[in-house]
Amino acid sequence: MPYEPPTHTVERSLRATTGAKIVAGVDEVGRGAWAGPVTVCAAVTGLRRPPEGLTDSKLLTVKRRTELAARLEQWVTAYALGHASPEEIDKIGMTAALRLAAERALEALPVRPDAVILDGKHDYLGAPWKVRTVIKGDQSCVVVAAASVIAKVRRDKMMAELGVDHADFGFAANAGYPSPVHRAALEDRGPTPHHRLSWAYLDALPQWRHLKKVRNGADGNAPEIEGQLGFDF
């Protein structure tokens, strides 16, 4: 299906209206997974023409995404990854975990961005960062699309490595999202050390329900909804 290639329009706008010289694109992967960290990539690209075929990572085949990520890691001006672990997600909730992972990524960049383009409509990052949210930014903004591809490929690789000791869960194929193989392994074997134990999937597993962690917080229900539906697989 044809798609419009991403542009630097939003980045140019930020430069013109705020005086920002360094603009980072931020995107996350793993928000709706049942296992593994939530991963955020922060990338800086400048205004150069991107590699051909760049778009939202979810619109690319595994082969194309992997090839493109390798090119992007050499092409971008800078990039960094931040993670929030399953234990951190269980303790503080997804919104706070996203912020934590994003801050880790942004602070790991060699230069501090003057502004951030954040994929989606919700600013989970907030002050002191100057944030512009863009719905479907991973399709329309070069810098966010680059972050999207790098984040997806790097987290998928991480999940495959974690899955070596848990072959029945199929992490190499499902990246911690609730595929049929993953669901069957959970029912039979229970959660691994890499699972999020505050997620609602445990409510449907009576034999493992005692392992569920109850979290207090304003966004206490949000991760459970995402975990139940398993978005973004």
Protein backbone atom coordinates (compact mmCIF):
# COMPACT_ATOMS: atom_id res chain seq x y z
CA MET A 1 0.00 0.00 0.00
CA PRO A 2 1.56 3.36 -1.01
CA TYR A 3 2.34 5.87 1.67
CA GLU A 4 3.65 9.40 1.87
CA PRO A 5 7.29 9.50 2.95
CA PRO A 6 8.06 11.33 6.20
CA THR A 7 9.29 14.91 6.06
CA HIS A 8 11.10 17.48 8.17
CA THR A 9 8.04 19.78 8.28
CA VAL A 10 7.46 19.62 12.03
CA GLU A 11 11.14 19.93 12.80
CA ARG A 12 11.42 23.00 10.56
CA SER A 13 8.39 24.49 12.31
CA LEU A 14 9.96 23.97 15.73
CA ARG A 15 13.19 25.53 14.58
CA ALA A 16 11.35 28.55 13.21
CA THR A 17 8.95 29.12 16.10
CA THR A 18 11.08 28.20 19.10
CA GLY A 19 14.62 28.77 17.89
CA ALA A 20 15.49 25.13 18.57
CA LYS A 21 18.73 24.07 16.91
CA ILE A 22 18.74 20.45 18.02
CA VAL A 23 15.45 18.56 17.68
CA ALA A 24 15.12 14.96 18.81
CA GLY A 25 12.46 12.49 17.70
CA VAL A 26 11.19 10.06 20.34
CA ASP A 27 9.23 6.85 19.88
CA GLU A 28 8.54 3.84 22.05
CA VAL A 29 7.97 0.14 21.55
CA GLY A 30 6.75 -2.51 23.97
CA ARG A 31 3.97 -0.53 25.63
CA GLY A 32 1.37 -3.28 25.21
CA ALA A 33 3.64 -6.30 25.64
CA TRP A 34 3.14 -8.76 28.49
CA ALA A 35 6.85 -9.39 28.89
CA GLY A 36 10.05 -7.42 28.53
CA PRO A 37 10.88 -3.74 28.98
CA VAL A 38 9.29 -0.74 27.38
CA THR A 39 11.96 0.76 25.13
CA VAL A 40 12.30 4.34 23.93
CA CYS A 41 14.62 5.62 21.23
CA ALA A 42 15.64 9.26 20.97
CA ALA A 43 17.18 10.22 17.63
CA VAL A 44 18.63 13.36 16.09
CA THR A 45 18.87 13.55 12.31
CA GLY A 46 19.24 17.18 11.28
CA LEU A 47 17.52 18.09 8.01
CA ARG A 48 19.28 15.65 5.70
CA ARG A 49 17.42 13.42 3.25
CA PRO A 50 16.69 10.07 4.96
CA PRO A 51 17.37 6.61 3.57
CA GLU A 52 14.81 5.49 1.01
CA GLY A 53 11.82 3.62 2.38
CA LEU A 54 11.85 5.16 5.85
CA THR A 55 8.45 4.99 7.58
CA ASP A 56 6.78 3.72 10.74
CA SER A 57 8.48 0.48 11.78
CA LYS A 58 5.13 -1.37 11.91
CA LEU A 59 4.65 -0.82 8.16
CA LEU A 60 7.89 -2.60 7.28
CA THR A 61 8.68 -6.28 6.91
CA VAL A 62 11.10 -7.75 9.44
CA LYS A 63 13.81 -8.03 6.76
CA ARG A 64 13.36 -4.48 5.50
CA ARG A 65 13.12 -3.06 9.02
CA THR A 66 16.32 -4.79 10.09
CA GLU A 67 18.22 -3.61 7.02
CA LEU A 68 16.93 -0.08 7.44
CA ALA A 69 17.81 0.05 11.15
CA ALA A 70 21.42 -0.84 10.35
CA ARG A 71 21.57 2.04 7.84
CA LEU A 72 19.83 4.46 10.19
CA GLU A 73 22.23 3.79 13.05
CA GLN A 74 25.02 5.02 10.77
CA TRP A 75 22.97 7.80 9.14
CA VAL A 76 21.49 9.63 12.13
CA THR A 77 23.45 12.38 13.82
CA ALA A 78 22.94 10.63 17.17
CA TYR A 79 20.62 8.17 18.85
CA ALA A 80 20.24 6.58 22.25
CA LEU A 81 17.98 4.00 23.85
CA GLY A 82 16.29 4.02 27.22
CA HIS A 83 14.47 1.13 28.89
CA ALA A 84 12.12 0.67 31.81
CA SER A 85 12.13 -2.85 33.17
CA PRO A 86 9.09 -5.03 33.92
CA GLU A 87 9.76 -4.47 37.63
CA GLU A 88 9.73 -0.70 37.14
CA ILE A 89 6.55 -0.88 35.09
CA ASP A 90 4.86 -2.93 37.82
CA LYS A 91 6.00 -0.49 40.49
CA ILE A 92 5.24 2.89 38.89
CA GLY A 93 2.82 2.21 36.03
CA MET A 94 3.19 2.59 32.29
CA THR A 95 2.94 6.37 32.00
CA ALA A 96 5.72 6.92 34.52
CA ALA A 97 7.73 4.07 33.00
CA LEU A 98 7.51 5.66 29.56
CA ARG A 99 8.74 8.94 30.99
CA LEU A 100 11.59 7.17 32.76
CA ALA A 101 12.68 5.33 29.60
CA ALA A 102 12.39 8.50 27.49
CA GLU A 103 14.44 10.52 29.97
CA ARG A 104 17.11 7.81 29.99
CA ALA A 105 17.25 7.91 26.19
CA LEU A 106 17.34 11.70 25.93
CA GLU A 107 19.94 12.07 28.66
CA ALA A 108 22.14 9.48 26.94
CA LEU A 109 22.38 11.56 23.78
CA PRO A 110 25.75 13.27 23.34
CA VAL A 111 24.00 16.66 23.14
CA ARG A 112 20.87 17.85 24.92
CA PRO A 113 17.98 18.54 22.49
CA ASP A 114 16.37 21.98 22.48
CA ALA A 115 13.02 20.41 21.57
CA VAL A 116 11.46 16.96 21.28
CA ILE A 117 8.95 15.59 18.77
CA LEU A 118 7.01 12.86 20.54
CA ASP A 119 4.94 10.28 18.66
CA GLY A 120 1.26 10.21 19.66
CA LYS A 121 -1.19 12.65 21.20
CA HIS A 122 -0.17 12.31 24.87
CA ASP A 123 2.85 14.11 26.26
CA TYR A 124 4.13 11.58 28.78
CA LEU A 125 7.47 13.40 28.96
CA GLY A 126 6.59 16.91 30.12
CA ALA A 127 8.77 19.63 31.64
CA PRO A 128 11.56 20.54 31.53
CA TRP A 129 11.55 19.15 27.97
CA LYS A 130 9.96 21.26 25.23
CA VAL A 131 7.66 18.74 23.58
CA ARG A 132 5.61 18.76 20.39
CA THR A 133 3.30 15.75 20.13
CA VAL A 134 2.42 14.48 16.65
CA ILE A 135 -0.20 11.81 16.02
CA LYS A 136 1.31 9.21 13.68
CA GLY A 137 4.58 11.06 13.91
CA ASP A 138 6.34 7.78 13.16
CA GLN A 139 4.86 8.01 9.66
CA SER A 140 5.03 11.75 9.03
CA CYS A 141 8.26 12.95 10.73
CA VAL A 142 11.68 11.79 9.59
CA VAL A 143 13.26 12.04 13.03
CA VAL A 144 10.44 10.10 14.74
CA ALA A 145 10.32 7.44 12.03
CA ALA A 146 14.05 6.87 12.47
CA ALA A 147 13.58 6.47 16.22
CA SER A 148 10.67 4.09 15.60
CA VAL A 149 12.66 1.73 13.40
CA ILE A 150 15.73 1.67 15.63
CA ALA A 151 13.66 1.11 18.79
CA LYS A 152 11.68 -1.75 17.27
CA VAL A 153 14.68 -3.62 15.90
CA ARG A 154 16.77 -3.21 19.03
CA ARG A 155 13.96 -4.31 21.37
CA ASP A 156 13.09 -7.29 19.16
CA LYS A 157 16.72 -8.39 19.34
CA MET A 158 16.70 -7.99 23.12
CA MET A 159 13.55 -10.08 23.44
CA ALA A 160 15.00 -12.82 21.25
CA GLU A 161 18.03 -12.96 23.55
CA LEU A 162 15.81 -13.10 26.65
CA GLY A 163 13.85 -15.90 25.03
CA VAL A 164 16.81 -18.24 24.70
CA ASP A 165 16.15 -19.58 28.21
CA HIS A 166 12.36 -19.57 27.70
CA ALA A 167 11.95 -21.21 24.30
CA ASP A 168 8.31 -22.23 24.83
CA PHE A 169 7.22 -18.59 24.99
CA GLY A 170 8.38 -17.71 21.48
CA PHE A 171 9.84 -14.33 22.42
CA ALA A 172 11.96 -14.29 19.24
CA ALA A 173 8.76 -14.24 17.18
CA ASN A 174 6.31 -12.34 19.40
CA ALA A 175 8.66 -9.93 21.26
CA GLY A 176 6.67 -10.46 24.47
CA TYR A 177 3.26 -9.68 22.96
CA PRO A 178 0.38 -12.13 23.52
CA SER A 179 0.63 -14.50 20.56
CA PRO A 180 -1.07 -17.94 20.77
CA VAL A 181 2.28 -19.57 21.57
CA HIS A 182 2.93 -17.05 24.34
CA ARG A 183 -0.55 -17.49 25.81
CA ALA A 184 -0.25 -21.28 25.83
CA ALA A 185 3.16 -21.19 27.52
CA LEU A 186 1.87 -18.79 30.16
CA GLU A 187 -1.04 -21.05 31.01
CA ASP A 188 1.20 -24.11 31.23
CA ARG A 189 4.33 -22.68 32.86
CA GLY A 190 3.34 -19.37 34.40
CA PRO A 191 5.18 -16.07 34.00
CA THR A 192 8.93 -15.84 33.53
CA PRO A 193 11.14 -13.33 35.38
CA HIS A 194 10.65 -11.07 32.35
CA HIS A 195 6.86 -10.76 32.66
CA ARG A 196 4.93 -7.76 33.91
CA LEU A 197 3.06 -9.01 36.94
CA SER A 198 0.61 -6.12 37.29
CA TRP A 199 -0.98 -6.89 33.93
CA ALA A 200 -4.57 -8.12 33.60
CA TYR A 201 -3.63 -11.33 31.77
CA LEU A 202 -3.00 -12.95 35.15
CA ASP A 203 -6.70 -12.55 36.00
CA ALA A 204 -7.47 -15.18 33.36
CA LEU A 205 -4.91 -17.64 34.75
CA PRO A 206 -6.31 -18.88 38.08
CA GLN A 207 -3.29 -21.07 38.83
CA TRP A 208 -0.95 -18.09 38.54
CA ARG A 209 -3.20 -15.29 39.78
CA HIS A 210 -1.53 -15.26 43.19
CA LEU A 211 1.59 -13.82 41.52
CA LYS A 212 -0.17 -10.64 40.43
CA LYS A 213 1.19 -7.40 41.81
CA VAL A 214 -1.22 -4.65 42.78
CA ARG A 215 0.01 -1.15 42.08
CA ASN A 216 -1.24 2.06 43.59
CA GLY A 217 -1.28 5.16 41.41
CA ALA A 218 -3.33 7.48 39.30
CA ASP A 219 -2.79 5.44 36.14
CA GLY A 220 -3.17 2.07 37.81
CA ASN A 221 -5.69 0.71 35.32
CA ALA A 222 -4.12 1.88 32.08
CA PRO A 223 -1.39 -0.78 31.76
CA GLU A 224 -3.87 -3.54 32.57
CA ILE A 225 -6.10 -2.50 29.69
CA GLU A 226 -3.17 -2.46 27.30
CA GLY A 227 -1.91 -5.75 28.63
CA GLN A 228 -5.30 -7.35 28.16
CA LEU A 229 -5.64 -6.25 24.55
CA GLY A 230 -1.99 -6.66 23.58
CA PHE A 231 -1.68 -3.74 21.18
CA ASP A 232 1.14 -3.22 18.68
CA PHE A 233 2.11 -6.85 18.13
